[in-house]
């Protein structure tokens, strides 16, 4: 049995959101969510692979302020691969 790495969170700020919708595609194992924030559409797609030991989160839309984090009881290493990609290993 393995321990979960921790709790991954995304903070989109305090702006009002409307039109929330979520979907799960069982064939591709991708879950998506979309909503409207300040008149702009935001989309989030998530794919996780236990075999690869990875969780991929793709955020699209006109996001002005997004914070992400991981709370874990285990040692973790975070690094920005570029201005758009954050790697978290643990």
PDB file of N, CA and C in Angstrom:
ATOM      1  N   UNK A   1       0.844  -1.174   0.000  1.00  0.00           N
ATOM      2  CA  UNK A   1       0.000   0.000   0.000  1.00  0.00           C
ATOM      3  C   UNK A   1       0.893   1.241   0.000  1.00  0.00           C
ATOM      4  N   UNK A   2       0.471   2.247  -0.706  1.00  0.00           N
ATOM      5  CA  UNK A   2       1.275   3.467  -0.763  1.00  0.00           C
ATOM      6  C   UNK A   2       0.519   4.635  -0.141  1.00  0.00           C
ATOM      7  N   UNK A   3       1.285   5.571   0.368  1.00  0.00           N
ATOM      8  CA  UNK A   3       0.751   6.801   0.952  1.00  0.00           C
ATOM      9  C   UNK A   3       0.439   7.803  -0.147  1.00  0.00           C
ATOM     10  N   UNK A   4      -0.615   8.595  -0.006  1.00  0.00           N
ATOM     11  CA  UNK A   4      -0.803   9.681  -0.964  1.00  0.00           C
ATOM     12  C   UNK A   4       0.303  10.719  -0.780  1.00  0.00           C
ATOM     13  N   UNK A   5       0.667  11.381  -1.866  1.00  0.00           N
ATOM     14  CA  UNK A   5       1.705  12.402  -1.794  1.00  0.00           C
ATOM     15  C   UNK A   5       1.257  13.575  -0.931  1.00  0.00           C
ATOM     16  N   UNK A   6      -0.003  13.955  -1.057  1.00  0.00           N
ATOM     17  CA  UNK A   6      -0.506  15.082  -0.278  1.00  0.00           C
ATOM     18  C   UNK A   6      -1.725  15.700  -0.928  1.00  0.00           C
ATOM     19  N   UNK A   7      -2.024  16.920  -0.540  1.00  0.00           N
ATOM     20  CA  UNK A   7      -3.168  17.653  -1.071  1.00  0.00           C
ATOM     21  C   UNK A   7      -2.678  18.742  -2.022  1.00  0.00           C
ATOM     22  N   UNK A   8      -3.052  18.616  -3.282  1.00  0.00           N
ATOM     23  CA  UNK A   8      -2.718  19.597  -4.302  1.00  0.00           C
ATOM     24  C   UNK A   8      -3.860  20.601  -4.366  1.00  0.00           C
ATOM     25  N   UNK A   9      -3.547  21.890  -4.383  1.00  0.00           N
ATOM     26  CA  UNK A   9      -4.605  22.904  -4.446  1.00  0.00           C
ATOM     27  C   UNK A   9      -4.287  23.979  -5.465  1.00  0.00           C
ATOM     28  N   UNK A  10      -5.369  24.575  -5.999  1.00  0.00           N
ATOM     29  CA  UNK A  10      -5.275  25.676  -6.952  1.00  0.00           C
ATOM     30  C   UNK A  10      -6.173  26.790  -6.441  1.00  0.00           C
ATOM     31  N   UNK A  11      -5.621  27.981  -6.300  1.00  0.00           N
ATOM     32  CA  UNK A  11      -6.386  29.152  -5.847  1.00  0.00           C
ATOM     33  C   UNK A  11      -6.515  30.115  -7.020  1.00  0.00           C
ATOM     34  N   UNK A  12      -7.745  30.294  -7.476  1.00  0.00           N
ATOM     35  CA  UNK A  12      -8.012  31.179  -8.610  1.00  0.00           C
ATOM     36  C   UNK A  12      -8.342  32.599  -8.172  1.00  0.00           C
ATOM     37  N   UNK A  13      -8.232  32.906  -6.891  1.00  0.00           N
ATOM     38  CA  UNK A  13      -8.570  34.239  -6.398  1.00  0.00           C
ATOM     39  C   UNK A  13     -10.016  34.285  -5.934  1.00  0.00           C
ATOM     40  N   UNK A  14     -10.472  35.467  -5.640  1.00  0.00           N
ATOM     41  CA  UNK A  14     -11.796  35.604  -5.038  1.00  0.00           C
ATOM     42  C   UNK A  14     -12.876  36.096  -5.995  1.00  0.00           C
ATOM     43  N   UNK A  15     -12.600  36.136  -7.281  1.00  0.00           N
ATOM     44  CA  UNK A  15     -13.588  36.629  -8.244  1.00  0.00           C
ATOM     45  C   UNK A  15     -14.787  35.684  -8.319  1.00  0.00           C
ATOM     46  N   UNK A  16     -15.972  36.244  -8.593  1.00  0.00           N
ATOM     47  CA  UNK A  16     -17.192  35.452  -8.762  1.00  0.00           C
ATOM     48  C   UNK A  16     -17.078  34.548  -9.977  1.00  0.00           C
ATOM     49  N   UNK A  17     -17.567  33.333  -9.846  1.00  0.00           N
ATOM     50  CA  UNK A  17     -17.578  32.382 -10.954  1.00  0.00           C
ATOM     51  C   UNK A  17     -19.014  31.976 -11.245  1.00  0.00           C
ATOM     52  N   UNK A  18     -19.323  31.757 -12.523  1.00  0.00           N
ATOM     53  CA  UNK A  18     -20.653  31.308 -12.934  1.00  0.00           C
ATOM     54  C   UNK A  18     -20.505  30.226 -13.992  1.00  0.00           C
ATOM     55  N   UNK A  19     -21.590  29.524 -14.267  1.00  0.00           N
ATOM     56  CA  UNK A  19     -21.613  28.544 -15.351  1.00  0.00           C
ATOM     57  C   UNK A  19     -20.680  27.372 -15.158  1.00  0.00           C
ATOM     58  N   UNK A  20     -20.484  26.943 -13.920  1.00  0.00           N
ATOM     59  CA  UNK A  20     -19.561  25.838 -13.647  1.00  0.00           C
ATOM     60  C   UNK A  20     -20.067  24.547 -14.289  1.00  0.00           C
ATOM     61  N   UNK A  21     -19.167  23.833 -14.952  1.00  0.00           N
ATOM     62  CA  UNK A  21     -19.506  22.563 -15.588  1.00  0.00           C
ATOM     63  C   UNK A  21     -18.308  21.629 -15.467  1.00  0.00           C
ATOM     64  N   UNK A  22     -18.563  20.344 -15.207  1.00  0.00           N
ATOM     65  CA  UNK A  22     -17.464  19.384 -15.144  1.00  0.00           C
ATOM     66  C   UNK A  22     -17.839  18.114 -15.896  1.00  0.00           C
ATOM     67  N   UNK A  23     -16.808  17.455 -16.410  1.00  0.00           N
ATOM     68  CA  UNK A  23     -16.995  16.241 -17.202  1.00  0.00           C
ATOM     69  C   UNK A  23     -15.887  15.248 -16.874  1.00  0.00           C
ATOM     70  N   UNK A  24     -16.182  13.971 -17.085  1.00  0.00           N
ATOM     71  CA  UNK A  24     -15.191  12.906 -16.926  1.00  0.00           C
ATOM     72  C   UNK A  24     -15.247  12.031 -18.163  1.00  0.00           C
ATOM     73  N   UNK A  25     -14.138  11.913 -18.863  1.00  0.00           N
ATOM     74  CA  UNK A  25     -14.030  11.049 -20.028  1.00  0.00           C
ATOM     75  C   UNK A  25     -13.326   9.772 -19.580  1.00  0.00           C
ATOM     76  N   UNK A  26     -14.072   8.701 -19.432  1.00  0.00           N
ATOM     77  CA  UNK A  26     -13.507   7.449 -18.932  1.00  0.00           C
ATOM     78  C   UNK A  26     -12.542   6.803 -19.923  1.00  0.00           C
ATOM     79  N   UNK A  27     -12.714   7.043 -21.211  1.00  0.00           N
ATOM     80  CA  UNK A  27     -11.808   6.467 -22.215  1.00  0.00           C
ATOM     81  C   UNK A  27     -10.410   7.080 -22.140  1.00  0.00           C
ATOM     82  N   UNK A  28     -10.343   8.397 -21.955  1.00  0.00           N
ATOM     83  CA  UNK A  28      -9.033   9.067 -21.911  1.00  0.00           C
ATOM     84  C   UNK A  28      -8.549   9.302 -20.481  1.00  0.00           C
ATOM     85  N   UNK A  29      -9.417   9.050 -19.491  1.00  0.00           N
ATOM     86  CA  UNK A  29      -9.101   9.272 -18.074  1.00  0.00           C
ATOM     87  C   UNK A  29      -8.789  10.738 -17.783  1.00  0.00           C
ATOM     88  N   UNK A  30      -9.471  11.640 -18.482  1.00  0.00           N
ATOM     89  CA  UNK A  30      -9.282  13.073 -18.274  1.00  0.00           C
ATOM     90  C   UNK A  30     -10.559  13.661 -17.703  1.00  0.00           C
ATOM     91  N   UNK A  31     -10.410  14.434 -16.648  1.00  0.00           N
ATOM     92  CA  UNK A  31     -11.539  15.169 -16.099  1.00  0.00           C
ATOM     93  C   UNK A  31     -11.359  16.639 -16.453  1.00  0.00           C
ATOM     94  N   UNK A  32     -12.451  17.280 -16.849  1.00  0.00           N
ATOM     95  CA  UNK A  32     -12.384  18.690 -17.214  1.00  0.00           C
ATOM     96  C   UNK A  32     -13.431  19.471 -16.434  1.00  0.00           C
ATOM     97  N   UNK A  33     -13.113  20.713 -16.193  1.00  0.00           N
ATOM     98  CA  UNK A  33     -14.055  21.641 -15.564  1.00  0.00           C
ATOM     99  C   UNK A  33     -13.922  22.970 -16.298  1.00  0.00           C
ATOM    100  N   UNK A  34     -15.034  23.658 -16.441  1.00  0.00           N
ATOM    101  CA  UNK A  34     -14.987  24.983 -17.057  1.00  0.00           C
ATOM    102  C   UNK A  34     -15.965  25.886 -16.327  1.00  0.00           C
ATOM    103  N   UNK A  35     -15.668  27.175 -16.338  1.00  0.00           N
ATOM    104  CA  UNK A  35     -16.525  28.160 -15.708  1.00  0.00           C
ATOM    105  C   UNK A  35     -16.199  29.523 -16.280  1.00  0.00           C
ATOM    106  N   UNK A  36     -17.039  30.486 -15.967  1.00  0.00           N
ATOM    107  CA  UNK A  36     -16.817  31.851 -16.419  1.00  0.00           C
ATOM    108  C   UNK A  36     -16.453  32.702 -15.211  1.00  0.00           C
ATOM    109  N   UNK A  37     -15.411  33.499 -15.367  1.00  0.00           N
ATOM    110  CA  UNK A  37     -14.917  34.351 -14.289  1.00  0.00           C
ATOM    111  C   UNK A  37     -14.588  35.716 -14.881  1.00  0.00           C
ATOM    112  N   UNK A  38     -15.228  36.743 -14.360  1.00  0.00           N
ATOM    113  CA  UNK A  38     -15.033  38.106 -14.861  1.00  0.00           C
ATOM    114  C   UNK A  38     -15.255  38.182 -16.367  1.00  0.00           C
ATOM    115  N   UNK A  39     -16.278  37.457 -16.859  1.00  0.00           N
ATOM    116  CA  UNK A  39     -16.635  37.492 -18.266  1.00  0.00           C
ATOM    117  C   UNK A  39     -15.750  36.677 -19.181  1.00  0.00           C
ATOM    118  N   UNK A  40     -14.835  35.899 -18.619  1.00  0.00           N
ATOM    119  CA  UNK A  40     -13.910  35.094 -19.419  1.00  0.00           C
ATOM    120  C   UNK A  40     -14.059  33.621 -19.047  1.00  0.00           C
ATOM    121  N   UNK A  41     -13.946  32.753 -20.054  1.00  0.00           N
ATOM    122  CA  UNK A  41     -14.051  31.309 -19.818  1.00  0.00           C
ATOM    123  C   UNK A  41     -12.706  30.767 -19.341  1.00  0.00           C
ATOM    124  N   UNK A  42     -12.748  29.959 -18.288  1.00  0.00           N
ATOM    125  CA  UNK A  42     -11.563  29.296 -17.735  1.00  0.00           C
ATOM    126  C   UNK A  42     -11.807  27.792 -17.837  1.00  0.00           C
ATOM    127  N   UNK A  43     -10.792  27.043 -18.257  1.00  0.00           N
ATOM    128  CA  UNK A  43     -10.910  25.598 -18.342  1.00  0.00           C
ATOM    129  C   UNK A  43      -9.745  24.934 -17.618  1.00  0.00           C
ATOM    130  N   UNK A  44     -10.067  23.821 -16.976  1.00  0.00           N
ATOM    131  CA  UNK A  44      -9.062  23.036 -16.255  1.00  0.00           C
ATOM    132  C   UNK A  44      -9.225  21.583 -16.681  1.00  0.00           C
ATOM    133  N   UNK A  45      -8.149  20.961 -17.125  1.00  0.00           N
ATOM    134  CA  UNK A  45      -8.159  19.543 -17.483  1.00  0.00           C
ATOM    135  C   UNK A  45      -7.119  18.837 -16.614  1.00  0.00           C
ATOM    136  N   UNK A  46      -7.477  17.655 -16.096  1.00  0.00           N
ATOM    137  CA  UNK A  46      -6.576  16.918 -15.204  1.00  0.00           C
ATOM    138  C   UNK A  46      -6.482  15.468 -15.663  1.00  0.00           C
ATOM    139  N   UNK A  47      -5.241  14.972 -15.735  1.00  0.00           N
ATOM    140  CA  UNK A  47      -4.963  13.580 -16.058  1.00  0.00           C
ATOM    141  C   UNK A  47      -3.968  13.060 -15.035  1.00  0.00           C
ATOM    142  N   UNK A  48      -4.218  11.889 -14.488  1.00  0.00           N
ATOM    143  CA  UNK A  48      -3.285  11.286 -13.533  1.00  0.00           C
ATOM    144  C   UNK A  48      -2.918   9.885 -13.996  1.00  0.00           C
ATOM    145  N   UNK A  49      -1.643   9.542 -13.858  1.00  0.00           N
ATOM    146  CA  UNK A  49      -1.158   8.215 -14.219  1.00  0.00           C
ATOM    147  C   UNK A  49      -0.336   7.645 -13.070  1.00  0.00           C
ATOM    148  N   UNK A  50      -0.848   6.609 -12.469  1.00  0.00           N
ATOM    149  CA  UNK A  50      -0.080   5.960 -11.398  1.00  0.00           C
ATOM    150  C   UNK A  50       1.185   5.319 -11.960  1.00  0.00           C
ATOM    151  N   UNK A  51       1.070   4.720 -13.143  1.00  0.00           N
ATOM    152  CA  UNK A  51       2.237   4.063 -13.757  1.00  0.00           C
ATOM    153  C   UNK A  51       3.375   5.054 -14.008  1.00  0.00           C
ATOM    154  N   UNK A  52       3.026   6.258 -14.435  1.00  0.00           N
ATOM    155  CA  UNK A  52       4.046   7.280 -14.707  1.00  0.00           C
ATOM    156  C   UNK A  52       4.376   8.098 -13.463  1.00  0.00           C
ATOM    157  N   UNK A  53       3.576   7.933 -12.408  1.00  0.00           N
ATOM    158  CA  UNK A  53       3.794   8.714 -11.193  1.00  0.00           C
ATOM    159  C   UNK A  53       3.596  10.196 -11.429  1.00  0.00           C
ATOM    160  N   UNK A  54       2.572  10.514 -12.227  1.00  0.00           N
ATOM    161  CA  UNK A  54       2.393  11.918 -12.610  1.00  0.00           C
ATOM    162  C   UNK A  54       0.931  12.331 -12.576  1.00  0.00           C
ATOM    163  N   UNK A  55       0.716  13.604 -12.290  1.00  0.00           N
ATOM    164  CA  UNK A  55      -0.582  14.241 -12.437  1.00  0.00           C
ATOM    165  C   UNK A  55      -0.346  15.499 -13.258  1.00  0.00           C
ATOM    166  N   UNK A  56      -1.078  15.632 -14.340  1.00  0.00           N
ATOM    167  CA  UNK A  56      -0.923  16.769 -15.241  1.00  0.00           C
ATOM    168  C   UNK A  56      -2.166  17.634 -15.112  1.00  0.00           C
ATOM    169  N   UNK A  57      -1.981  18.925 -14.879  1.00  0.00           N
ATOM    170  CA  UNK A  57      -3.081  19.880 -14.808  1.00  0.00           C
ATOM    171  C   UNK A  57      -2.840  20.943 -15.865  1.00  0.00           C
ATOM    172  N   UNK A  58      -3.804  21.102 -16.766  1.00  0.00           N
ATOM    173  CA  UNK A  58      -3.714  22.111 -17.812  1.00  0.00           C
ATOM    174  C   UNK A  58      -4.772  23.175 -17.542  1.00  0.00           C
ATOM    175  N   UNK A  59      -4.332  24.415 -17.363  1.00  0.00           N
ATOM    176  CA  UNK A  59      -5.243  25.541 -17.145  1.00  0.00           C
ATOM    177  C   UNK A  59      -5.211  26.428 -18.371  1.00  0.00           C
ATOM    178  N   UNK A  60      -6.381  26.760 -18.901  1.00  0.00           N
ATOM    179  CA  UNK A  60      -6.447  27.655 -20.044  1.00  0.00           C
ATOM    180  C   UNK A  60      -7.470  28.747 -19.767  1.00  0.00           C
ATOM    181  N   UNK A  61      -7.282  29.855 -20.411  1.00  0.00           N
ATOM    182  CA  UNK A  61      -8.173  30.994 -20.229  1.00  0.00           C
ATOM    183  C   UNK A  61      -7.354  32.210 -19.850  1.00  0.00           C
ATOM    184  N   UNK A  62      -8.017  33.304 -19.662  1.00  0.00           N
ATOM    185  CA  UNK A  62      -7.351  34.543 -19.312  1.00  0.00           C
ATOM    186  C   UNK A  62      -7.249  34.645 -17.793  1.00  0.00           C
ATOM    187  N   UNK A  63      -6.302  33.938 -17.230  1.00  0.00           N
ATOM    188  CA  UNK A  63      -6.121  33.893 -15.787  1.00  0.00           C
ATOM    189  C   UNK A  63      -5.103  34.957 -15.376  1.00  0.00           C
ATOM    190  N   UNK A  64      -5.524  35.881 -14.547  1.00  0.00           N
ATOM    191  CA  UNK A  64      -4.603  36.943 -14.144  1.00  0.00           C
ATOM    192  C   UNK A  64      -3.848  36.600 -12.873  1.00  0.00           C
ATOM    193  N   UNK A  65      -4.432  35.764 -12.028  1.00  0.00           N
ATOM    194  CA  UNK A  65      -3.780  35.425 -10.770  1.00  0.00           C
ATOM    195  C   UNK A  65      -4.159  34.014 -10.358  1.00  0.00           C
ATOM    196  N   UNK A  66      -3.197  33.112 -10.384  1.00  0.00           N
ATOM    197  CA  UNK A  66      -3.413  31.727  -9.980  1.00  0.00           C
ATOM    198  C   UNK A  66      -2.273  31.323  -9.062  1.00  0.00           C
ATOM    199  N   UNK A  67      -2.633  30.708  -7.938  1.00  0.00           N
ATOM    200  CA  UNK A  67      -1.620  30.163  -7.031  1.00  0.00           C
ATOM    201  C   UNK A  67      -1.855  28.666  -6.929  1.00  0.00           C
ATOM    202  N   UNK A  68      -0.783  27.887  -6.943  1.00  0.00           N
ATOM    203  CA  UNK A  68      -0.892  26.438  -6.777  1.00  0.00           C
ATOM    204  C   UNK A  68       0.028  26.015  -5.645  1.00  0.00           C
ATOM    205  N   UNK A  69      -0.311  24.901  -5.037  1.00  0.00           N
ATOM    206  CA  UNK A  69       0.533  24.424  -3.954  1.00  0.00           C
ATOM    207  C   UNK A  69       0.283  22.965  -3.649  1.00  0.00           C
ATOM    208  N   UNK A  70       1.123  22.422  -2.833  1.00  0.00           N
ATOM    209  CA  UNK A  70       1.008  21.041  -2.395  1.00  0.00           C
ATOM    210  C   UNK A  70       1.333  20.997  -0.913  1.00  0.00           C
ATOM    211  N   UNK A  71       0.405  20.480  -0.139  1.00  0.00           N
ATOM    212  CA  UNK A  71       0.630  20.269   1.292  1.00  0.00           C
ATOM    213  C   UNK A  71       0.878  18.784   1.483  1.00  0.00           C
ATOM    214  N   UNK A  72       2.056  18.452   1.998  1.00  0.00           N
ATOM    215  CA  UNK A  72       2.438  17.056   2.088  1.00  0.00           C
ATOM    216  C   UNK A  72       3.204  16.777   3.369  1.00  0.00           C
ATOM    217  N   UNK A  73       2.970  15.615   3.972  1.00  0.00           N
ATOM    218  CA  UNK A  73       3.782  15.216   5.120  1.00  0.00           C
ATOM    219  C   UNK A  73       5.134  14.665   4.689  1.00  0.00           C
ATOM    220  N   UNK A  74       5.326  14.497   3.381  1.00  0.00           N
ATOM    221  CA  UNK A  74       6.560  13.942   2.834  1.00  0.00           C
ATOM    222  C   UNK A  74       7.450  15.057   2.294  1.00  0.00           C
ATOM    223  N   UNK A  75       8.758  14.812   2.199  1.00  0.00           N
ATOM    224  CA  UNK A  75       9.648  15.796   1.570  1.00  0.00           C
ATOM    225  C   UNK A  75       9.261  15.970   0.095  1.00  0.00           C
ATOM    226  N   UNK A  76       9.168  17.211  -0.356  1.00  0.00           N
ATOM    227  CA  UNK A  76       8.843  17.484  -1.752  1.00  0.00           C
ATOM    228  C   UNK A  76       9.820  18.510  -2.312  1.00  0.00           C
ATOM    229  N   UNK A  77       9.931  18.499  -3.629  1.00  0.00           N
ATOM    230  CA  UNK A  77      10.788  19.446  -4.333  1.00  0.00           C
ATOM    231  C   UNK A  77       9.941  20.114  -5.410  1.00  0.00           C
ATOM    232  N   UNK A  78       9.919  21.439  -5.423  1.00  0.00           N
ATOM    233  CA  UNK A  78       9.192  22.158  -6.463  1.00  0.00           C
ATOM    234  C   UNK A  78      10.176  22.973  -7.283  1.00  0.00           C
ATOM    235  N   UNK A  79       9.914  23.036  -8.574  1.00  0.00           N
ATOM    236  CA  UNK A  79      10.764  23.850  -9.442  1.00  0.00           C
ATOM    237  C   UNK A  79       9.943  24.349 -10.624  1.00  0.00           C
ATOM    238  N   UNK A  80      10.210  25.583 -11.024  1.00  0.00           N
ATOM    239  CA  UNK A  80       9.574  26.155 -12.204  1.00  0.00           C
ATOM    240  C   UNK A  80      10.413  25.750 -13.416  1.00  0.00           C
ATOM    241  N   UNK A  81       9.831  24.968 -14.309  1.00  0.00           N
ATOM    242  CA  UNK A  81      10.548  24.549 -15.515  1.00  0.00           C
ATOM    243  C   UNK A  81      10.597  25.683 -16.527  1.00  0.00           C
ATOM    244  N   UNK A  82       9.563  26.500 -16.532  1.00  0.00           N
ATOM    245  CA  UNK A  82       9.534  27.757 -17.282  1.00  0.00           C
ATOM    246  C   UNK A  82       8.403  28.594 -16.675  1.00  0.00           C
ATOM    247  N   UNK A  83       8.027  29.678 -17.316  1.00  0.00           N
ATOM    248  CA  UNK A  83       6.998  30.552 -16.730  1.00  0.00           C
ATOM    249  C   UNK A  83       5.611  29.923 -16.720  1.00  0.00           C
ATOM    250  N   UNK A  84       5.435  28.795 -17.414  1.00  0.00           N
ATOM    251  CA  UNK A  84       4.135  28.162 -17.498  1.00  0.00           C
ATOM    252  C   UNK A  84       4.090  26.757 -16.912  1.00  0.00           C
ATOM    253  N   UNK A  85       5.243  26.198 -16.512  1.00  0.00           N
ATOM    254  CA  UNK A  85       5.260  24.804 -16.046  1.00  0.00           C
ATOM    255  C   UNK A  85       5.907  24.726 -14.669  1.00  0.00           C
ATOM    256  N   UNK A  86       5.166  24.155 -13.726  1.00  0.00           N
ATOM    257  CA  UNK A  86       5.658  23.935 -12.375  1.00  0.00           C
ATOM    258  C   UNK A  86       5.757  22.427 -12.150  1.00  0.00           C
ATOM    259  N   UNK A  87       6.910  21.958 -11.724  1.00  0.00           N
ATOM    260  CA  UNK A  87       7.113  20.544 -11.424  1.00  0.00           C
ATOM    261  C   UNK A  87       7.171  20.369  -9.919  1.00  0.00           C
ATOM    262  N   UNK A  88       6.415  19.403  -9.420  1.00  0.00           N
ATOM    263  CA  UNK A  88       6.427  19.067  -7.988  1.00  0.00           C
ATOM    264  C   UNK A  88       6.752  17.576  -7.899  1.00  0.00           C
ATOM    265  N   UNK A  89       7.825  17.252  -7.185  1.00  0.00           N
ATOM    266  CA  UNK A  89       8.243  15.856  -7.049  1.00  0.00           C
ATOM    267  C   UNK A  89       8.306  15.496  -5.569  1.00  0.00           C
ATOM    268  N   UNK A  90       7.908  14.279  -5.285  1.00  0.00           N
ATOM    269  CA  UNK A  90       7.973  13.850  -3.895  1.00  0.00           C
ATOM    270  C   UNK A  90       7.989  12.357  -3.783  1.00  0.00           C
TER     271      UNK A  90
END
